[in-house]
Amino acid sequence: MGNQKDRLLPISILIAAVLIAGAVVYSSFKKTPQTNISQTEPDTEQISGKPQIGDDVVLGDPNAPVTMIVFGDYQCPFCAKFFKETESLIVKNYVETGKVKMIFKDLAFLGPESVAAAEAAECARDQQKYWQYHDALYEIEYSEVKKVIAGEMKTNEGNGNLNRNLFKEIASGLQMNSDEFSKCFDSEKYAAEVENDIKEAKASISRLSTPTIFIDDKMIQGAYPYNVFSQAIDEALNKK
């Protein structure tokens, strides 16, 4: 009997450790300012290389002195947080005033829904509604994130809400031509574009995470408050 208890003790310790680890992962959703692939802490650093604008849709004056490139995933909860709490202020104070031009690139790594949402947004560019579609997707995901925080659902990732019907509803709400949008999406017209963005992210970012933001030659990883980005933008403007 004593030997049996001795054998059961390590097993109970292992089970407890697994339960604790699971709790830590769940609670980190509310604490960590990013969705991370290979690191536990966000990163802010100078970089020697940076992604290029290419054929991406530019928000703001194409000749604005500072370039801001955002790598994100439409399922990423911290990308939604960045969009709602920080990006909107950057657009108001820097993009609309002609100081910054903004570009969004797809780092769609959280599953098929991420890729599908990215392709849907790319299809909206054909009808000059790319940024409106981008905003609509993140508004929806931000609502999903709030449900997770409130305990109404477990996760916003892979829950099936980012689907063809929703994409068509968004297009209709933006008064897009639904038939043209559906044809573009169903044909996977922009699959290569999304894949190229992912490849560019892997080539530009040594430790992948979302959101990752490039402000000229500085990279910031994480959904930090507005002042972190405004300081970086002001520093970039002062170098011009």
Protein backbone atom coordinates (compact mmCIF):
# COMPACT_ATOMS: atom_id res chain seq x y z
CA MET A 1 0.00 0.00 0.00
CA GLY A 2 2.82 2.38 0.85
CA ASN A 3 4.50 1.78 -2.52
CA GLN A 4 1.19 2.46 -4.32
CA LYS A 5 0.84 5.82 -2.55
CA ASP A 6 4.41 6.66 -3.50
CA ARG A 7 3.64 5.97 -7.14
CA LEU A 8 0.44 8.05 -7.08
CA LEU A 9 2.10 11.12 -5.55
CA PRO A 10 4.20 12.09 -8.59
CA ILE A 11 1.14 11.63 -10.83
CA SER A 12 -0.93 13.99 -8.67
CA ILE A 13 1.87 16.55 -8.77
CA LEU A 14 1.99 16.30 -12.58
CA ILE A 15 -1.77 16.77 -12.88
CA ALA A 16 -1.63 19.82 -10.63
CA ALA A 17 1.19 21.30 -12.71
CA VAL A 18 -0.81 20.84 -15.92
CA LEU A 19 -3.85 22.55 -14.39
CA ILE A 20 -1.76 25.47 -13.17
CA ALA A 21 -0.11 25.86 -16.58
CA GLY A 22 -3.49 25.92 -18.27
CA ALA A 23 -4.69 28.64 -15.90
CA VAL A 24 -1.61 30.71 -16.63
CA VAL A 25 -2.15 30.45 -20.39
CA TYR A 26 -5.81 31.47 -20.06
CA SER A 27 -5.08 34.41 -17.75
CA SER A 28 -2.25 35.63 -20.00
CA PHE A 29 -4.87 36.49 -22.62
CA LYS A 30 -5.89 39.45 -20.48
CA LYS A 31 -2.35 40.48 -19.49
CA THR A 32 -0.05 40.04 -22.48
CA PRO A 33 -0.19 42.86 -25.07
CA GLN A 34 0.32 40.57 -28.06
CA THR A 35 -0.30 37.19 -29.61
CA ASN A 36 3.11 35.59 -29.68
CA ILE A 37 4.64 32.84 -31.77
CA SER A 38 8.11 32.50 -30.31
CA GLN A 39 8.66 34.88 -27.41
CA THR A 40 7.10 35.72 -24.07
CA GLU A 41 7.92 39.42 -23.97
CA PRO A 42 7.16 42.11 -26.56
CA ASP A 43 10.03 43.79 -28.34
CA THR A 44 10.99 47.34 -29.22
CA GLU A 45 14.16 47.73 -31.22
CA GLN A 46 15.97 49.40 -34.07
CA ILE A 47 16.16 47.26 -37.20
CA SER A 48 18.50 47.20 -40.15
CA GLY A 49 15.89 46.00 -42.64
CA LYS A 50 12.19 46.62 -42.93
CA PRO A 51 9.22 45.53 -45.06
CA GLN A 52 8.38 47.47 -48.19
CA ILE A 53 5.07 49.06 -49.20
CA GLY A 54 4.92 47.32 -52.58
CA ASP A 55 1.37 47.15 -53.94
CA ASP A 56 -0.28 47.49 -50.54
CA VAL A 57 -3.13 49.95 -50.00
CA VAL A 58 -1.85 53.12 -48.33
CA LEU A 59 -3.96 54.97 -45.78
CA GLY A 60 -3.18 58.69 -45.80
CA ASP A 61 -0.90 60.82 -47.92
CA PRO A 62 1.45 58.57 -49.92
CA ASN A 63 4.08 61.31 -49.52
CA ALA A 64 3.78 61.54 -45.73
CA PRO A 65 7.28 61.67 -44.17
CA VAL A 66 6.84 58.72 -41.78
CA THR A 67 5.82 55.21 -42.82
CA MET A 68 3.95 52.94 -40.41
CA ILE A 69 3.51 49.28 -41.37
CA VAL A 70 1.31 47.06 -39.22
CA PHE A 71 1.50 43.26 -39.36
CA GLY A 72 -1.67 41.77 -37.91
CA ASP A 73 -4.10 38.88 -37.85
CA TYR A 74 -7.84 39.51 -37.89
CA GLN A 75 -8.34 36.85 -35.20
CA CYS A 76 -5.60 38.21 -32.94
CA PRO A 77 -7.25 39.65 -29.79
CA PHE A 78 -4.41 42.07 -29.18
CA CYS A 79 -4.54 43.28 -32.78
CA ALA A 80 -8.20 44.12 -32.14
CA LYS A 81 -7.19 45.90 -28.95
CA PHE A 82 -4.50 47.86 -30.83
CA PHE A 83 -7.00 48.78 -33.55
CA LYS A 84 -9.66 50.01 -31.14
CA GLU A 85 -7.55 51.75 -28.52
CA THR A 86 -4.45 52.96 -30.38
CA GLU A 87 -4.69 52.83 -34.17
CA SER A 88 -7.73 55.11 -34.26
CA LEU A 89 -5.80 57.82 -32.38
CA ILE A 90 -2.79 57.45 -34.65
CA VAL A 91 -5.04 57.86 -37.68
CA LYS A 92 -6.67 60.97 -36.23
CA ASN A 93 -3.51 62.69 -35.00
CA TYR A 94 -0.90 61.60 -37.53
CA VAL A 95 -2.43 60.05 -40.66
CA GLU A 96 -5.20 62.59 -41.21
CA THR A 97 -2.73 65.44 -40.59
CA GLY A 98 -0.39 64.20 -43.32
CA LYS A 99 2.46 63.17 -41.03
CA VAL A 100 2.16 59.38 -41.34
CA LYS A 101 1.11 56.96 -44.06
CA MET A 102 -0.16 53.61 -42.79
CA ILE A 103 0.00 50.17 -44.40
CA PHE A 104 -1.49 46.91 -43.11
CA LYS A 105 0.06 43.55 -43.95
CA ASP A 106 -1.43 40.14 -43.19
CA LEU A 107 0.38 37.94 -40.71
CA ALA A 108 -2.48 35.43 -40.83
CA PHE A 109 -1.14 32.61 -38.68
CA LEU A 110 -4.01 31.75 -36.32
CA GLY A 111 -5.78 29.37 -38.69
CA PRO A 112 -7.97 29.16 -41.79
CA GLU A 113 -10.34 31.88 -40.56
CA SER A 114 -7.44 34.31 -40.37
CA VAL A 115 -6.47 33.58 -43.96
CA ALA A 116 -10.08 33.81 -45.16
CA ALA A 117 -10.59 37.18 -43.43
CA ALA A 118 -7.36 38.50 -44.92
CA GLU A 119 -8.42 37.44 -48.42
CA ALA A 120 -11.86 39.01 -47.92
CA ALA A 121 -10.28 42.33 -46.92
CA GLU A 122 -7.99 42.18 -49.95
CA CYS A 123 -11.05 41.68 -52.19
CA ALA A 124 -12.48 44.91 -50.81
CA ARG A 125 -9.56 46.79 -52.38
CA ASP A 126 -11.09 46.07 -55.80
CA GLN A 127 -13.98 48.35 -54.83
CA GLN A 128 -11.85 50.93 -52.98
CA LYS A 129 -13.15 49.76 -49.60
CA TYR A 130 -10.04 48.07 -48.20
CA TRP A 131 -9.62 50.17 -45.06
CA GLN A 132 -13.34 50.29 -44.36
CA TYR A 133 -13.42 46.49 -44.57
CA HIS A 134 -10.31 46.22 -42.37
CA ASP A 135 -12.02 48.40 -39.75
CA ALA A 136 -15.26 46.40 -39.91
CA LEU A 137 -13.45 43.10 -39.33
CA TYR A 138 -11.62 44.44 -36.30
CA GLU A 139 -14.78 46.03 -34.86
CA ILE A 140 -16.39 42.59 -34.98
CA GLU A 141 -13.39 40.86 -33.43
CA TYR A 142 -13.14 43.49 -30.71
CA SER A 143 -16.74 42.67 -29.76
CA GLU A 144 -15.77 38.99 -29.65
CA VAL A 145 -12.77 39.77 -27.43
CA LYS A 146 -15.01 41.61 -24.98
CA LYS A 147 -17.17 38.48 -24.72
CA VAL A 148 -14.07 36.44 -23.87
CA ILE A 149 -13.02 38.90 -21.17
CA ALA A 150 -16.56 38.83 -19.75
CA GLY A 151 -16.45 35.03 -19.62
CA GLU A 152 -19.25 34.63 -22.15
CA MET A 153 -17.07 32.57 -24.48
CA LYS A 154 -13.72 30.79 -24.26
CA THR A 155 -11.91 32.30 -27.21
CA ASN A 156 -12.44 34.45 -30.28
CA GLU A 157 -9.95 32.34 -32.23
CA GLY A 158 -11.33 29.60 -34.46
CA ASN A 159 -14.88 30.03 -33.20
CA GLY A 160 -16.34 30.05 -36.69
CA ASN A 161 -17.60 33.63 -36.81
CA LEU A 162 -15.23 34.70 -39.57
CA ASN A 163 -17.00 32.94 -42.44
CA ARG A 164 -18.24 33.58 -45.96
CA ASN A 165 -21.68 34.74 -44.80
CA LEU A 166 -20.17 37.33 -42.49
CA PHE A 167 -17.77 38.52 -45.18
CA LYS A 168 -20.71 39.03 -47.56
CA GLU A 169 -22.67 40.87 -44.85
CA ILE A 170 -19.76 43.25 -44.31
CA ALA A 171 -19.48 43.86 -48.06
CA SER A 172 -23.20 44.57 -48.27
CA GLY A 173 -23.02 46.90 -45.27
CA LEU A 174 -20.28 48.84 -47.02
CA GLN A 175 -22.49 49.09 -50.12
CA MET A 176 -20.10 47.02 -52.19
CA ASN A 177 -21.15 45.05 -55.26
CA SER A 178 -21.94 41.71 -53.62
CA ASP A 179 -21.59 39.63 -56.78
CA GLU A 180 -18.16 41.06 -57.57
CA PHE A 181 -17.03 40.56 -53.99
CA SER A 182 -18.25 36.94 -53.89
CA LYS A 183 -16.55 36.17 -57.19
CA CYS A 184 -13.27 37.59 -55.91
CA PHE A 185 -13.46 35.77 -52.57
CA ASP A 186 -14.59 32.41 -53.98
CA SER A 187 -11.82 32.44 -56.59
CA GLU A 188 -9.19 33.08 -53.89
CA LYS A 189 -7.92 35.91 -56.05
CA TYR A 190 -5.72 37.31 -53.28
CA ALA A 191 -4.44 34.06 -51.77
CA ALA A 192 -0.96 34.71 -53.14
CA GLU A 193 -1.01 38.29 -51.84
CA VAL A 194 -1.79 37.10 -48.31
CA GLU A 195 0.86 34.39 -48.52
CA ASN A 196 3.42 36.93 -49.71
CA ASP A 197 2.66 39.14 -46.70
CA ILE A 198 3.29 36.17 -44.41
CA LYS A 199 6.57 35.42 -46.16
CA GLU A 200 7.60 39.07 -45.85
CA ALA A 201 6.83 39.00 -42.14
CA LYS A 202 9.03 35.94 -41.68
CA ALA A 203 11.83 37.66 -43.58
CA SER A 204 11.51 40.97 -41.67
CA ILE A 205 10.75 39.82 -38.12
CA SER A 206 13.09 37.48 -36.30
CA ARG A 207 10.64 36.68 -33.50
CA LEU A 208 7.15 36.65 -34.96
CA SER A 209 4.20 38.04 -33.01
CA THR A 210 1.13 40.16 -33.67
CA PRO A 211 0.68 43.00 -33.73
CA THR A 212 4.12 43.98 -34.99
CA ILE A 213 4.43 47.61 -36.03
CA PHE A 214 7.23 49.22 -38.02
CA ILE A 215 7.66 52.99 -37.68
CA ASP A 216 10.35 53.79 -40.23
CA ASP A 217 13.41 51.97 -38.83
CA LYS A 218 11.91 51.07 -35.44
CA MET A 219 9.94 47.90 -34.72
CA ILE A 220 7.45 47.71 -31.84
CA GLN A 221 5.82 44.40 -30.94
CA GLY A 222 2.71 44.52 -28.80
CA ALA A 223 -0.60 46.33 -28.32
CA TYR A 224 0.88 49.12 -26.25
CA PRO A 225 -0.89 52.36 -25.29
CA TYR A 226 -1.02 55.25 -27.71
CA ASN A 227 1.82 57.21 -26.05
CA VAL A 228 4.36 54.47 -26.88
CA PHE A 229 3.63 54.88 -30.58
CA SER A 230 3.22 58.66 -30.56
CA GLN A 231 6.67 58.96 -29.00
CA ALA A 232 8.17 56.72 -31.69
CA ILE A 233 6.41 58.66 -34.44
CA ASP A 234 7.54 62.01 -33.04
CA GLU A 235 11.13 60.74 -32.90
CA ALA A 236 10.88 59.66 -36.52
CA LEU A 237 9.45 63.02 -37.54
CA ASN A 238 12.25 64.85 -35.76
CA LYS A 239 14.78 62.99 -37.91
CA LYS A 240 13.27 64.32 -41.14
